[in-house]
């Protein structure tokens, strides 16, 4: 942010964070279940058999960093081959482990999908099985598992595996991993004739119908945003001027800026997309909020006539807001920048 001697006085409190812009997917509430126990939860579905199923689809949302998402194998088949597929979240990223083999030939493959998925937003998983190629897709990011089919025939476990289960994998690979906590929905098998069927649920533990929302109107105070963590809640107090478990304690670390004062923040370490968040309050209808300008290039955000003004590369910008941002009340601004888009959020709108 550069020095500007024409800037009017602005009482400014900054909270700056850099994050990757992330696409988010919203799923419907149809046929959902909430798993609630990180030590024991699971749901088991009947009759997954890759000889007549060409696609397995489901959606999920969670805050889980490290947990078991899916397990299926061929343990009940009379064969020398041990085949199994395990999906886990590790640091929020999807890890795919495939084992296919016999006494003569063994294939072990591990894939890591790029995006972080523990953001409590709906994400879609599709596992495609065919004689030509088997693959996995997460929110339209696809990777090949094998160049042919995978022989799998067993119960399909979502979120965990029951302790007494007879499985092909080493129990340590699944039984000792933290169980999934969050919502699972729209579990669907696609048959070879193209028909979609809902698998029959045969067992569950510490799971309930619907996607649980623990948030209520009384969860957070002072316009704090309630975060539903499925078994409990927490409060996002950013932008409210308050902090604490329920946003009840007023923040006292505001920074006062007057005329030529400014705060410099290095953006050199940020590649591609980034996001800037700030709280501000002022009595003046005009004043610079942030600028990344260098030689007439960059992003410019200011209060102008009580509204937010945004311009890029010194071109004519756009305005939004009610014209009353100089009301000496706290306002919350998010500016998110990617290679092709700018997203502006003012007071959570």
Protein backbone atom coordinates (compact mmCIF):
# COMPACT_ATOMS: atom_id res chain seq x y z
CA UNK A 1 0.00 0.00 0.00
CA UNK A 2 1.56 3.35 -1.02
CA UNK A 3 1.59 6.70 0.71
CA UNK A 4 -1.05 9.18 -0.47
CA UNK A 5 -0.95 12.76 0.85
CA UNK A 6 -4.46 13.51 -0.45
CA UNK A 7 -6.11 10.81 1.56
CA UNK A 8 -8.70 11.99 4.09
CA UNK A 9 -8.63 10.82 7.69
CA UNK A 10 -9.80 7.26 8.08
CA UNK A 11 -10.20 5.34 11.34
CA UNK A 12 -9.09 1.97 10.09
CA UNK A 13 -8.72 -1.46 11.58
CA UNK A 14 -7.11 -4.04 9.32
CA UNK A 15 -7.29 -7.77 9.49
CA UNK A 16 -5.39 -9.05 6.45
CA UNK A 17 -5.25 -12.66 5.40
CA UNK A 18 -4.13 -14.33 2.20
CA UNK A 19 -6.09 -17.30 0.97
CA UNK A 20 -6.55 -19.16 -2.28
CA UNK A 21 -9.78 -18.46 -4.06
CA UNK A 22 -11.75 -21.63 -3.93
CA UNK A 23 -14.69 -22.87 -5.85
CA UNK A 24 -17.56 -24.04 -3.69
CA UNK A 25 -20.27 -26.52 -4.46
CA UNK A 26 -23.71 -26.51 -2.79
CA UNK A 27 -25.50 -29.86 -2.49
CA UNK A 28 -29.13 -30.59 -1.80
CA UNK A 29 -30.40 -32.03 1.48
CA UNK A 30 -31.94 -35.09 -0.22
CA UNK A 31 -30.92 -38.52 1.16
CA UNK A 32 -28.29 -37.19 3.53
CA UNK A 33 -26.92 -38.59 6.76
CA UNK A 34 -24.78 -36.99 9.47
CA UNK A 35 -21.96 -39.00 11.05
CA UNK A 36 -21.23 -37.70 14.53
CA UNK A 37 -18.59 -39.82 16.29
CA UNK A 38 -14.94 -39.56 15.22
CA UNK A 39 -14.13 -42.87 16.92
CA UNK A 40 -16.98 -45.12 15.78
CA UNK A 41 -19.29 -43.70 13.08
CA UNK A 42 -19.97 -45.52 9.82
CA UNK A 43 -22.70 -46.30 7.31
CA UNK A 44 -22.66 -49.61 5.37
CA UNK A 45 -24.44 -50.11 2.05
CA UNK A 46 -25.29 -53.44 0.43
CA UNK A 47 -24.21 -55.05 -2.83
CA UNK A 48 -21.48 -52.96 -4.36
CA UNK A 49 -20.29 -55.08 -7.29
CA UNK A 50 -18.13 -53.62 -10.06
CA UNK A 51 -19.25 -56.31 -12.50
CA UNK A 52 -22.60 -54.51 -12.89
CA UNK A 53 -21.86 -51.05 -11.45
CA UNK A 54 -20.04 -48.54 -13.65
CA UNK A 55 -20.19 -45.51 -11.38
CA UNK A 56 -20.28 -44.82 -7.66
CA UNK A 57 -21.28 -41.27 -6.74
CA UNK A 58 -21.75 -39.41 -3.47
CA UNK A 59 -21.27 -35.99 -1.94
CA UNK A 60 -19.90 -34.92 1.42
CA UNK A 61 -19.04 -31.93 3.56
CA UNK A 62 -16.85 -31.84 6.65
CA UNK A 63 -14.28 -29.95 8.71
CA UNK A 64 -12.29 -33.17 9.15
CA UNK A 65 -8.54 -32.85 8.57
CA UNK A 66 -7.62 -36.54 8.73
CA UNK A 67 -10.32 -39.22 8.51
CA UNK A 68 -11.61 -42.24 6.60
CA UNK A 69 -14.10 -41.42 3.86
CA UNK A 70 -14.75 -44.68 1.97
CA UNK A 71 -13.77 -48.35 1.94
CA UNK A 72 -14.73 -51.17 -0.45
CA UNK A 73 -13.00 -54.45 -1.41
CA UNK A 74 -13.54 -57.98 -2.76
CA UNK A 75 -13.12 -59.82 0.55
CA UNK A 76 -16.18 -62.01 0.02
CA UNK A 77 -15.07 -63.23 -3.41
CA UNK A 78 -13.52 -66.71 -3.65
CA UNK A 79 -10.31 -65.51 -5.27
CA UNK A 80 -6.61 -65.29 -4.58
CA UNK A 81 -6.64 -61.61 -5.51
CA UNK A 82 -6.94 -59.00 -2.76
CA UNK A 83 -8.51 -55.87 -4.14
CA UNK A 84 -9.53 -52.81 -2.16
CA UNK A 85 -10.10 -49.08 -2.56
CA UNK A 86 -9.63 -46.63 0.34
CA UNK A 87 -10.43 -42.92 0.32
CA UNK A 88 -9.13 -40.80 3.19
CA UNK A 89 -8.70 -37.12 3.95
CA UNK A 90 -5.19 -36.12 4.98
CA UNK A 91 -4.70 -32.47 5.92
CA UNK A 92 -8.00 -31.89 4.17
CA UNK A 93 -6.87 -33.35 0.85
CA UNK A 94 -8.27 -36.52 -0.66
CA UNK A 95 -5.89 -39.50 -0.72
CA UNK A 96 -6.85 -42.47 -2.92
CA UNK A 97 -5.25 -45.85 -2.19
CA UNK A 98 -5.89 -48.73 -4.58
CA UNK A 99 -4.60 -52.28 -4.10
CA UNK A 100 -5.17 -54.90 -6.75
CA UNK A 101 -3.25 -58.14 -6.88
CA UNK A 102 -2.66 -61.81 -6.25
CA UNK A 103 0.25 -64.05 -5.37
CA UNK A 104 1.66 -63.43 -8.85
CA UNK A 105 1.04 -59.75 -9.52
CA UNK A 106 0.24 -56.82 -7.27
CA UNK A 107 -0.67 -53.24 -8.16
CA UNK A 108 -0.48 -50.57 -5.47
CA UNK A 109 -1.40 -47.03 -6.39
CA UNK A 110 -1.76 -43.86 -4.34
CA UNK A 111 -3.20 -40.61 -5.67
CA UNK A 112 -3.45 -37.19 -4.05
CA UNK A 113 -6.11 -34.79 -5.28
CA UNK A 114 -5.03 -31.16 -5.25
CA UNK A 115 -7.82 -29.25 -3.53
CA UNK A 116 -8.52 -28.89 0.19
CA UNK A 117 -11.94 -30.41 0.91
CA UNK A 118 -12.47 -29.81 4.64
CA UNK A 119 -14.22 -26.45 4.22
CA UNK A 120 -17.72 -27.58 5.28
CA UNK A 121 -18.96 -27.13 1.70
CA UNK A 122 -20.49 -29.86 -0.44
CA UNK A 123 -18.03 -31.76 -2.64
CA UNK A 124 -18.89 -34.37 -5.26
CA UNK A 125 -17.01 -37.66 -5.75
CA UNK A 126 -17.53 -39.96 -8.75
CA UNK A 127 -15.70 -43.27 -9.16
CA UNK A 128 -15.97 -44.57 -12.72
CA UNK A 129 -15.26 -48.25 -13.46
CA UNK A 130 -15.00 -49.65 -16.98
CA UNK A 131 -13.01 -52.21 -18.95
CA UNK A 132 -11.07 -49.46 -20.73
CA UNK A 133 -10.24 -47.14 -17.83
CA UNK A 134 -11.21 -46.65 -14.20
CA UNK A 135 -10.94 -43.18 -12.70
CA UNK A 136 -11.96 -40.91 -9.84
CA UNK A 137 -13.35 -37.40 -10.10
CA UNK A 138 -13.61 -34.80 -7.31
CA UNK A 139 -15.55 -31.65 -8.20
CA UNK A 140 -14.67 -32.29 -11.86
CA UNK A 141 -10.96 -32.83 -11.18
CA UNK A 142 -10.31 -36.30 -12.61
CA UNK A 143 -7.44 -38.77 -12.28
CA UNK A 144 -6.94 -42.26 -13.70
CA UNK A 145 -6.82 -45.17 -11.28
CA UNK A 146 -6.00 -47.99 -13.74
CA UNK A 147 -6.20 -48.49 -17.50
CA UNK A 148 -8.78 -51.26 -17.10
CA UNK A 149 -11.38 -52.40 -14.58
CA UNK A 150 -11.22 -53.01 -10.81
CA UNK A 151 -12.85 -56.15 -9.39
CA UNK A 152 -14.68 -55.07 -6.23
CA UNK A 153 -17.59 -56.83 -4.54
CA UNK A 154 -18.49 -56.18 -0.91
CA UNK A 155 -20.36 -53.91 1.44
CA UNK A 156 -19.63 -50.25 0.76
CA UNK A 157 -18.48 -48.45 3.91
CA UNK A 158 -18.80 -44.67 4.18
CA UNK A 159 -17.16 -42.73 7.02
CA UNK A 160 -15.63 -45.74 8.77
CA UNK A 161 -15.51 -49.54 8.95
CA UNK A 162 -17.16 -51.56 11.71
CA UNK A 163 -14.62 -53.22 13.98
CA UNK A 164 -15.78 -56.80 13.33
CA UNK A 165 -15.73 -56.46 9.54
CA UNK A 166 -13.94 -59.08 7.46
CA UNK A 167 -11.89 -56.90 5.10
CA UNK A 168 -9.17 -57.50 2.53
CA UNK A 169 -6.96 -54.60 3.67
CA UNK A 170 -4.75 -54.66 6.73
CA UNK A 171 -7.06 -53.50 9.56
CA UNK A 172 -4.48 -50.91 10.55
CA UNK A 173 -5.10 -49.17 7.24
CA UNK A 174 -8.72 -48.44 8.11
CA UNK A 175 -9.70 -49.42 11.66
CA UNK A 176 -7.28 -47.08 13.38
CA UNK A 177 -7.99 -44.02 11.24
CA UNK A 178 -10.26 -41.36 12.72
CA UNK A 179 -13.84 -41.71 11.48
CA UNK A 180 -15.52 -39.14 9.30
CA UNK A 181 -17.61 -36.44 11.02
CA UNK A 182 -19.91 -34.47 8.76
CA UNK A 183 -22.61 -35.03 6.15
CA UNK A 184 -22.83 -37.66 3.40
CA UNK A 185 -25.47 -37.47 0.70
CA UNK A 186 -26.76 -38.75 -2.63
CA UNK A 187 -25.00 -42.14 -2.57
CA UNK A 188 -25.81 -43.59 -5.99
CA UNK A 189 -24.82 -46.61 -8.09
CA UNK A 190 -25.03 -46.39 -11.88
CA UNK A 191 -25.66 -49.75 -13.54
CA UNK A 192 -24.26 -50.88 -16.88
CA UNK A 193 -27.63 -50.18 -18.52
CA UNK A 194 -27.37 -46.54 -17.37
CA UNK A 195 -29.99 -46.78 -14.61
CA UNK A 196 -29.21 -45.02 -11.33
CA UNK A 197 -30.13 -46.82 -8.11
CA UNK A 198 -29.89 -45.92 -4.45
CA UNK A 199 -28.03 -48.66 -2.54
CA UNK A 200 -29.76 -50.25 0.41
CA UNK A 201 -28.35 -49.25 3.78
CA UNK A 202 -27.74 -52.31 5.95
CA UNK A 203 -26.02 -50.95 9.05
CA UNK A 204 -25.02 -47.68 10.66
CA UNK A 205 -23.54 -46.47 13.91
CA UNK A 206 -23.56 -42.96 15.42
CA UNK A 207 -25.30 -41.59 12.34
CA UNK A 208 -28.59 -39.77 11.92
CA UNK A 209 -30.79 -38.82 8.99
CA UNK A 210 -30.42 -35.39 7.43
CA UNK A 211 -27.50 -32.98 7.49
CA UNK A 212 -27.35 -31.70 11.06
CA UNK A 213 -27.10 -27.94 11.62
CA UNK A 214 -26.22 -27.02 15.20
CA UNK A 215 -26.45 -23.27 14.58
CA UNK A 216 -29.31 -21.27 16.08
CA UNK A 217 -30.09 -17.57 16.19
CA UNK A 218 -28.55 -17.45 19.66
CA UNK A 219 -25.27 -19.18 18.73
CA UNK A 220 -23.27 -15.98 18.09
CA UNK A 221 -23.81 -12.38 19.16
CA UNK A 222 -23.05 -8.98 17.58
CA UNK A 223 -23.61 -10.27 14.03
CA UNK A 224 -21.04 -13.02 14.37
CA UNK A 225 -21.31 -15.84 11.81
CA UNK A 226 -22.14 -19.25 13.22
CA UNK A 227 -20.03 -22.12 11.83
CA UNK A 228 -21.83 -25.44 11.88
CA UNK A 229 -19.37 -28.18 12.90
CA UNK A 230 -22.09 -30.88 12.93
CA UNK A 231 -21.60 -31.87 16.60
CA UNK A 232 -20.92 -28.35 17.92
CA UNK A 233 -20.65 -24.76 16.71
CA UNK A 234 -18.06 -22.01 16.66
CA UNK A 235 -18.36 -18.31 15.82
CA UNK A 236 -16.62 -16.34 13.10
CA UNK A 237 -16.29 -12.87 14.63
CA UNK A 238 -14.29 -11.32 11.78
CA UNK A 239 -15.68 -7.96 10.83
CA UNK A 240 -17.89 -7.53 13.89
CA UNK A 241 -15.49 -5.59 16.11
CA UNK A 242 -15.87 -8.33 18.70
CA UNK A 243 -14.04 -11.53 19.62
CA UNK A 244 -14.38 -14.51 21.96
CA UNK A 245 -16.31 -17.77 21.78
CA UNK A 246 -19.59 -16.01 21.00
CA UNK A 247 -18.31 -12.63 19.77
CA UNK A 248 -19.11 -10.87 23.04
CA UNK A 249 -15.77 -9.21 23.86
CA UNK A 250 -15.06 -5.93 22.06
CA UNK A 251 -11.78 -5.83 20.13
CA UNK A 252 -9.37 -3.24 21.47
CA UNK A 253 -6.48 -3.52 18.98
CA UNK A 254 -7.75 -1.11 16.30
CA UNK A 255 -5.19 1.04 14.49
CA UNK A 256 -5.87 4.77 14.04
CA UNK A 257 -4.80 6.25 10.70
CA UNK A 258 -4.82 9.97 10.04
CA UNK A 259 -4.20 11.79 6.75
CA UNK A 260 -0.84 10.51 5.44
CA UNK A 261 -0.61 7.43 7.72
CA UNK A 262 -0.59 4.02 6.09
CA UNK A 263 0.18 0.36 6.75
CA UNK A 264 2.38 -1.56 4.30
CA UNK A 265 1.74 -5.24 3.63
CA UNK A 266 4.02 -7.37 1.44
CA UNK A 267 2.26 -9.29 -1.32
CA UNK A 268 5.44 -10.76 -2.80
CA UNK A 269 4.86 -14.22 -1.35
CA UNK A 270 1.34 -14.53 -2.78
CA UNK A 271 1.05 -16.22 -6.16
CA UNK A 272 -2.09 -15.91 -8.24
CA UNK A 273 -5.31 -15.51 -6.27
CA UNK A 274 -5.46 -13.81 -2.86
CA UNK A 275 -7.99 -12.35 -0.46
CA UNK A 276 -7.83 -9.28 1.82
CA UNK A 277 -10.18 -8.82 4.76
CA UNK A 278 -10.53 -5.65 6.86
CA UNK A 279 -12.72 -3.88 9.35
CA UNK A 280 -12.99 -0.10 9.19
CA UNK A 281 -14.98 2.81 10.54
CA UNK A 282 -14.72 6.48 9.63
CA UNK A 283 -16.49 9.83 9.82
CA UNK A 284 -15.18 10.87 6.41
CA UNK A 285 -16.94 10.16 3.14
CA UNK A 286 -13.65 9.84 1.23
CA UNK A 287 -10.48 7.91 2.01
CA UNK A 288 -8.16 5.24 0.66
CA UNK A 289 -8.67 1.73 2.08
CA UNK A 290 -6.11 -0.28 0.14
CA UNK A 291 -3.97 -0.05 -2.97
CA UNK A 292 -1.60 -2.43 -4.72
CA UNK A 293 -0.68 0.17 -7.33
CA UNK A 294 2.76 0.29 -8.89
CA UNK A 295 3.35 2.63 -11.83
CA UNK A 296 -0.36 3.08 -12.46
CA UNK A 297 -0.99 -0.69 -12.36
CA UNK A 298 -2.88 -2.61 -9.70
CA UNK A 299 -5.96 -2.57 -7.51
CA UNK A 300 -7.41 0.54 -5.84
CA UNK A 301 -10.17 0.41 -3.18
CA UNK A 302 -11.43 3.51 -1.40
CA UNK A 303 -14.41 5.11 0.31
CA UNK A 304 -15.86 7.76 -2.01
CA UNK A 305 -19.03 9.68 -1.19
CA UNK A 306 -19.75 7.10 1.48
CA UNK A 307 -19.57 4.19 -0.99
CA UNK A 308 -16.88 1.67 -1.89
CA UNK A 309 -14.98 2.55 -5.06
CA UNK A 310 -12.98 -0.16 -6.85
CA UNK A 311 -10.75 0.39 -9.88
CA UNK A 312 -8.07 -1.65 -11.66
CA UNK A 313 -5.01 -0.44 -13.57
CA UNK A 314 -6.13 3.19 -13.28
CA UNK A 315 -9.27 2.51 -15.33
CA UNK A 316 -12.69 3.83 -14.40
CA UNK A 317 -13.99 1.68 -11.56
CA UNK A 318 -17.34 0.84 -10.08
CA UNK A 319 -19.15 1.82 -6.88
CA UNK A 320 -21.33 -0.05 -4.45
CA UNK A 321 -22.79 0.49 -1.00
CA UNK A 322 -25.54 2.63 0.45
CA UNK A 323 -23.54 5.87 0.63
CA UNK A 324 -23.48 5.81 4.43
CA UNK A 325 -20.15 4.09 5.14
CA UNK A 326 -18.91 7.23 6.96
CA UNK A 327 -21.36 6.64 9.83
CA UNK A 328 -18.66 5.88 12.47
CA UNK A 329 -19.88 2.26 12.64
CA UNK A 330 -17.79 -0.83 11.97
CA UNK A 331 -17.97 -2.19 8.43
CA UNK A 332 -16.45 -5.40 7.10
CA UNK A 333 -14.89 -5.61 3.65
CA UNK A 334 -13.52 -8.63 1.72
CA UNK A 335 -11.64 -8.16 -1.55
CA UNK A 336 -10.77 -11.41 -3.35
CA UNK A 337 -8.65 -11.32 -6.48
CA UNK A 338 -7.98 -14.05 -9.04
CA UNK A 339 -6.46 -13.94 -12.50
CA UNK A 340 -9.77 -13.06 -14.13
CA UNK A 341 -12.21 -11.94 -11.42
CA UNK A 342 -12.56 -9.65 -8.41
CA UNK A 343 -15.05 -10.54 -5.68
CA UNK A 344 -16.21 -7.80 -3.27
CA UNK A 345 -18.18 -8.47 -0.09
CA UNK A 346 -19.34 -5.60 2.12
CA UNK A 347 -20.93 -6.27 5.51
CA UNK A 348 -21.50 -9.91 4.47
CA UNK A 349 -23.44 -8.93 1.32
